[in-house]
Amino acid sequence: MSVAVTVRYFGPAKDLADGKSVEVLEVITATATATTSADDDNVKPMVLVNQVIEAMKQSHGSQLAELVQQQCGVVVNLDYVEQPEWAVKQVGLDDEVLVVPPVSSG
């Protein structure tokens, strides 16, 4: 099963994503979950943030995945997602993932 997820990159993440500021990643997984709304006909396949990051690694290499894991923030639909939540936060077809660089002060 696969889920197409829109990912937006900023700063050094954009550089490591071959200069792309936005792309649609096909997140292929055997463990996709499905959620339903009140209408049982509306089933939406979901993947986890960790799986999206793994798809970034497969598409662009381990440097991008390491940068995201060690230095960047991840936002799903304008909600900041803390790293411990990456293993449980679900992302679906209509969702948008932002990879934002660390904010420096000075």
N, C-alpha and C. Protein backbone atom coordinates (compact mmCIF):
# COMPACT_ATOMS: atom_id res chain seq x y z
N MET A 1 0.85 -1.17 0.00
CA MET A 1 0.00 0.00 0.00
C MET A 1 0.89 1.23 0.00
N SER A 2 0.45 2.28 -0.65
CA SER A 2 1.21 3.52 -0.64
C SER A 2 0.26 4.69 -0.42
N VAL A 3 0.82 5.75 0.16
CA VAL A 3 0.08 6.98 0.40
C VAL A 3 0.92 8.12 -0.15
N ALA A 4 0.31 8.96 -0.98
CA ALA A 4 1.01 10.13 -1.52
C ALA A 4 0.91 11.26 -0.50
N VAL A 5 2.06 11.75 -0.07
CA VAL A 5 2.11 12.80 0.96
C VAL A 5 2.86 14.00 0.40
N THR A 6 2.29 15.18 0.54
CA THR A 6 2.95 16.41 0.11
C THR A 6 3.92 16.85 1.19
N VAL A 7 5.18 17.08 0.78
CA VAL A 7 6.22 17.51 1.71
C VAL A 7 6.81 18.82 1.20
N ARG A 8 6.95 19.79 2.10
CA ARG A 8 7.58 21.07 1.78
C ARG A 8 8.88 21.17 2.57
N TYR A 9 9.95 21.54 1.86
CA TYR A 9 11.27 21.64 2.46
C TYR A 9 11.71 23.11 2.53
N PHE A 10 12.44 23.44 3.60
CA PHE A 10 12.97 24.78 3.77
C PHE A 10 14.44 24.69 4.18
N GLY A 11 15.21 25.74 3.86
CA GLY A 11 16.59 25.84 4.30
C GLY A 11 17.45 24.69 3.81
N PRO A 12 18.31 24.16 4.70
CA PRO A 12 19.22 23.09 4.28
C PRO A 12 18.49 21.81 3.86
N ALA A 13 17.30 21.59 4.36
CA ALA A 13 16.53 20.41 3.94
C ALA A 13 16.19 20.52 2.45
N LYS A 14 15.88 21.72 2.01
CA LYS A 14 15.60 21.95 0.59
C LYS A 14 16.83 21.62 -0.25
N ASP A 15 18.00 22.04 0.22
CA ASP A 15 19.23 21.75 -0.51
C ASP A 15 19.45 20.24 -0.65
N LEU A 16 19.23 19.51 0.43
CA LEU A 16 19.44 18.06 0.41
C LEU A 16 18.33 17.30 -0.33
N ALA A 17 17.21 17.99 -0.58
CA ALA A 17 16.11 17.39 -1.35
C ALA A 17 16.23 17.78 -2.82
N ASP A 18 17.47 17.87 -3.27
CA ASP A 18 17.76 18.19 -4.68
C ASP A 18 17.19 19.54 -5.10
N GLY A 19 17.13 20.48 -4.14
CA GLY A 19 16.65 21.83 -4.44
C GLY A 19 15.14 21.96 -4.54
N LYS A 20 14.43 20.90 -4.24
CA LYS A 20 12.95 20.95 -4.33
C LYS A 20 12.39 21.63 -3.09
N SER A 21 11.48 22.55 -3.30
CA SER A 21 10.81 23.16 -2.16
C SER A 21 9.53 22.40 -1.81
N VAL A 22 8.99 21.68 -2.77
CA VAL A 22 7.80 20.87 -2.52
C VAL A 22 7.83 19.65 -3.43
N GLU A 23 7.35 18.54 -2.89
CA GLU A 23 7.22 17.33 -3.69
C GLU A 23 6.14 16.44 -3.08
N VAL A 24 5.66 15.54 -3.89
CA VAL A 24 4.72 14.53 -3.41
C VAL A 24 5.50 13.22 -3.32
N LEU A 25 5.63 12.72 -2.09
CA LEU A 25 6.36 11.47 -1.85
C LEU A 25 5.36 10.32 -1.79
N GLU A 26 5.68 9.24 -2.48
CA GLU A 26 4.90 8.01 -2.35
C GLU A 26 5.48 7.24 -1.18
N VAL A 27 4.74 7.17 -0.10
CA VAL A 27 5.19 6.46 1.08
C VAL A 27 4.64 5.04 0.98
N ILE A 28 5.52 4.10 0.70
CA ILE A 28 5.12 2.71 0.51
C ILE A 28 5.33 1.97 1.82
N THR A 29 4.28 1.33 2.27
CA THR A 29 4.36 0.62 3.54
C THR A 29 3.34 -0.50 3.59
N ALA A 30 3.71 -1.54 4.27
CA ALA A 30 2.77 -2.65 4.48
C ALA A 30 1.95 -2.43 5.73
N THR A 31 2.30 -1.38 6.49
CA THR A 31 1.62 -1.17 7.77
C THR A 31 0.76 0.09 7.78
N ALA A 32 0.30 0.52 6.62
CA ALA A 32 -0.56 1.70 6.58
C ALA A 32 -1.84 1.40 7.35
N THR A 33 -2.30 2.40 8.07
CA THR A 33 -3.54 2.25 8.81
C THR A 33 -4.65 2.97 8.05
N ALA A 34 -5.85 2.77 8.44
CA ALA A 34 -6.96 3.45 7.79
C ALA A 34 -7.87 4.04 8.86
N THR A 35 -8.32 5.24 8.60
CA THR A 35 -9.27 5.86 9.50
C THR A 35 -10.56 6.11 8.74
N THR A 36 -11.63 6.20 9.46
CA THR A 36 -12.91 6.49 8.84
C THR A 36 -13.53 7.69 9.50
N SER A 37 -14.29 8.40 8.73
CA SER A 37 -15.06 9.50 9.30
C SER A 37 -16.42 8.94 9.71
N ALA A 38 -17.34 9.82 10.02
CA ALA A 38 -18.68 9.37 10.39
C ALA A 38 -19.31 8.61 9.23
N ASP A 39 -18.89 8.92 8.01
CA ASP A 39 -19.37 8.25 6.81
C ASP A 39 -18.45 7.06 6.53
N ASP A 40 -18.93 5.85 6.67
CA ASP A 40 -18.10 4.65 6.51
C ASP A 40 -17.55 4.49 5.09
N ASP A 41 -18.11 5.22 4.11
CA ASP A 41 -17.60 5.13 2.75
C ASP A 41 -16.33 5.95 2.57
N ASN A 42 -15.98 6.77 3.55
CA ASN A 42 -14.83 7.65 3.44
C ASN A 42 -13.65 7.09 4.24
N VAL A 43 -12.95 6.12 3.67
CA VAL A 43 -11.80 5.51 4.32
C VAL A 43 -10.54 6.18 3.79
N LYS A 44 -9.68 6.62 4.68
CA LYS A 44 -8.49 7.36 4.32
C LYS A 44 -7.25 6.59 4.78
N PRO A 45 -6.44 6.09 3.84
CA PRO A 45 -5.22 5.39 4.27
C PRO A 45 -4.24 6.37 4.91
N MET A 46 -3.56 5.91 5.93
CA MET A 46 -2.65 6.77 6.69
C MET A 46 -1.30 6.09 6.85
N VAL A 47 -0.26 6.91 7.00
CA VAL A 47 1.07 6.44 7.36
C VAL A 47 1.54 7.29 8.53
N LEU A 48 2.67 6.93 9.10
CA LEU A 48 3.21 7.67 10.24
C LEU A 48 4.30 8.62 9.79
N VAL A 49 4.56 9.67 10.58
CA VAL A 49 5.61 10.63 10.26
C VAL A 49 6.94 9.90 10.07
N ASN A 50 7.25 8.93 10.92
CA ASN A 50 8.48 8.15 10.76
C ASN A 50 8.59 7.52 9.38
N GLN A 51 7.47 7.06 8.86
CA GLN A 51 7.47 6.44 7.54
C GLN A 51 7.68 7.47 6.43
N VAL A 52 7.19 8.69 6.65
CA VAL A 52 7.43 9.76 5.68
C VAL A 52 8.92 10.09 5.65
N ILE A 53 9.55 10.16 6.82
CA ILE A 53 10.98 10.44 6.89
C ILE A 53 11.79 9.32 6.23
N GLU A 54 11.36 8.09 6.40
CA GLU A 54 12.02 6.97 5.73
C GLU A 54 11.89 7.11 4.20
N ALA A 55 10.74 7.58 3.72
CA ALA A 55 10.55 7.80 2.29
C ALA A 55 11.46 8.92 1.79
N MET A 56 11.69 9.95 2.62
CA MET A 56 12.64 11.01 2.26
C MET A 56 14.03 10.40 2.09
N LYS A 57 14.40 9.52 3.00
CA LYS A 57 15.71 8.87 2.96
C LYS A 57 15.85 8.04 1.68
N GLN A 58 14.82 7.30 1.34
CA GLN A 58 14.85 6.47 0.13
C GLN A 58 14.96 7.33 -1.13
N SER A 59 14.32 8.48 -1.11
CA SER A 59 14.28 9.35 -2.28
C SER A 59 15.52 10.23 -2.41
N HIS A 60 16.04 10.70 -1.27
CA HIS A 60 17.10 11.71 -1.32
C HIS A 60 18.38 11.34 -0.56
N GLY A 61 18.40 10.23 0.13
CA GLY A 61 19.59 9.80 0.84
C GLY A 61 19.53 10.03 2.34
N SER A 62 20.47 9.41 3.02
CA SER A 62 20.45 9.43 4.47
C SER A 62 20.78 10.79 5.07
N GLN A 63 21.51 11.65 4.34
CA GLN A 63 21.83 12.97 4.89
C GLN A 63 20.58 13.77 5.20
N LEU A 64 19.60 13.72 4.31
CA LEU A 64 18.35 14.46 4.54
C LEU A 64 17.63 13.90 5.77
N ALA A 65 17.52 12.59 5.85
CA ALA A 65 16.82 11.98 6.99
C ALA A 65 17.52 12.32 8.30
N GLU A 66 18.85 12.27 8.30
CA GLU A 66 19.60 12.61 9.51
C GLU A 66 19.42 14.08 9.90
N LEU A 67 19.42 14.97 8.91
CA LEU A 67 19.19 16.39 9.19
C LEU A 67 17.83 16.60 9.83
N VAL A 68 16.81 15.96 9.27
CA VAL A 68 15.46 16.10 9.81
C VAL A 68 15.41 15.57 11.24
N GLN A 69 15.98 14.41 11.46
CA GLN A 69 15.93 13.78 12.79
C GLN A 69 16.72 14.55 13.84
N GLN A 70 17.83 15.17 13.44
CA GLN A 70 18.71 15.79 14.42
C GLN A 70 18.52 17.30 14.57
N GLN A 71 18.05 17.98 13.53
CA GLN A 71 18.06 19.43 13.58
C GLN A 71 16.76 20.13 13.20
N CYS A 72 15.92 19.49 12.44
CA CYS A 72 14.74 20.17 11.90
C CYS A 72 13.49 19.91 12.72
N GLY A 73 12.52 20.75 12.52
CA GLY A 73 11.19 20.54 13.07
C GLY A 73 10.28 19.97 11.99
N VAL A 74 9.28 19.25 12.42
CA VAL A 74 8.30 18.68 11.49
C VAL A 74 6.93 19.21 11.87
N VAL A 75 6.22 19.70 10.86
CA VAL A 75 4.90 20.26 11.04
C VAL A 75 3.94 19.50 10.13
N VAL A 76 2.83 19.05 10.68
CA VAL A 76 1.81 18.36 9.90
C VAL A 76 0.54 19.20 9.97
N ASN A 77 0.12 19.68 8.81
CA ASN A 77 -1.10 20.51 8.73
C ASN A 77 -1.05 21.67 9.72
N LEU A 78 0.08 22.35 9.77
CA LEU A 78 0.31 23.53 10.61
C LEU A 78 0.39 23.23 12.10
N ASP A 79 0.47 21.95 12.47
CA ASP A 79 0.65 21.56 13.87
C ASP A 79 2.05 20.99 14.05
N TYR A 80 2.85 21.61 14.95
CA TYR A 80 4.20 21.12 15.22
C TYR A 80 4.12 19.75 15.87
N VAL A 81 4.94 18.82 15.40
CA VAL A 81 4.93 17.47 15.92
C VAL A 81 6.29 17.20 16.58
N GLU A 82 6.28 16.97 17.88
CA GLU A 82 7.49 16.66 18.62
C GLU A 82 8.03 15.30 18.18
N GLN A 83 9.34 15.12 18.20
CA GLN A 83 9.95 13.89 17.71
C GLN A 83 9.40 12.62 18.37
N PRO A 84 9.13 12.60 19.68
CA PRO A 84 8.57 11.37 20.25
C PRO A 84 7.20 10.99 19.65
N GLU A 85 6.51 11.94 19.06
CA GLU A 85 5.20 11.68 18.47
C GLU A 85 5.29 11.17 17.03
N TRP A 86 6.49 11.20 16.43
CA TRP A 86 6.63 10.79 15.04
C TRP A 86 6.21 9.34 14.82
N ALA A 87 6.33 8.52 15.83
CA ALA A 87 6.00 7.10 15.70
C ALA A 87 4.49 6.85 15.78
N VAL A 88 3.71 7.87 16.17
CA VAL A 88 2.27 7.68 16.31
C VAL A 88 1.44 8.68 15.51
N LYS A 89 2.04 9.80 15.09
CA LYS A 89 1.30 10.83 14.36
C LYS A 89 1.03 10.34 12.94
N GLN A 90 -0.26 10.31 12.58
CA GLN A 90 -0.66 9.81 11.27
C GLN A 90 -0.71 10.93 10.25
N VAL A 91 -0.37 10.58 9.01
CA VAL A 91 -0.37 11.49 7.88
C VAL A 91 -1.11 10.81 6.74
N GLY A 92 -1.99 11.55 6.08
CA GLY A 92 -2.77 10.97 5.00
C GLY A 92 -2.64 11.72 3.70
N LEU A 93 -3.43 11.32 2.74
CA LEU A 93 -3.38 11.83 1.38
C LEU A 93 -3.54 13.34 1.30
N ASP A 94 -4.43 13.92 2.04
CA ASP A 94 -4.70 15.35 1.95
C ASP A 94 -3.86 16.18 2.92
N ASP A 95 -2.93 15.53 3.62
CA ASP A 95 -2.12 16.22 4.62
C ASP A 95 -0.85 16.78 4.00
N GLU A 96 -0.28 17.78 4.69
CA GLU A 96 0.96 18.40 4.24
C GLU A 96 1.97 18.36 5.36
N VAL A 97 3.18 17.92 5.03
CA VAL A 97 4.27 17.84 6.00
C VAL A 97 5.28 18.93 5.64
N LEU A 98 5.65 19.75 6.63
CA LEU A 98 6.67 20.78 6.44
C LEU A 98 7.91 20.37 7.21
N VAL A 99 9.07 20.52 6.57
CA VAL A 99 10.35 20.28 7.23
C VAL A 99 11.00 21.64 7.39
N VAL A 100 11.08 22.11 8.63
CA VAL A 100 11.58 23.46 8.88
C VAL A 100 12.93 23.40 9.60
N PRO A 101 13.85 24.28 9.19
CA PRO A 101 15.16 24.28 9.83
C PRO A 101 15.08 24.83 11.23
N PRO A 102 16.11 24.58 12.03
CA PRO A 102 16.12 25.15 13.37
C PRO A 102 16.14 26.68 13.31
N VAL A 103 15.51 27.28 14.26
CA VAL A 103 15.49 28.74 14.33
C VAL A 103 16.68 29.19 15.16
N SER A 104 17.47 30.07 14.59
CA SER A 104 18.62 30.58 15.35
C SER A 104 18.30 31.98 15.85
N SER A 105 18.88 32.31 16.96
CA SER A 105 18.67 33.66 17.50
C SER A 105 19.99 34.39 17.49
N GLY A 106 19.89 35.67 17.51
CA GLY A 106 21.15 36.40 17.50
C GLY A 106 20.98 37.87 17.48
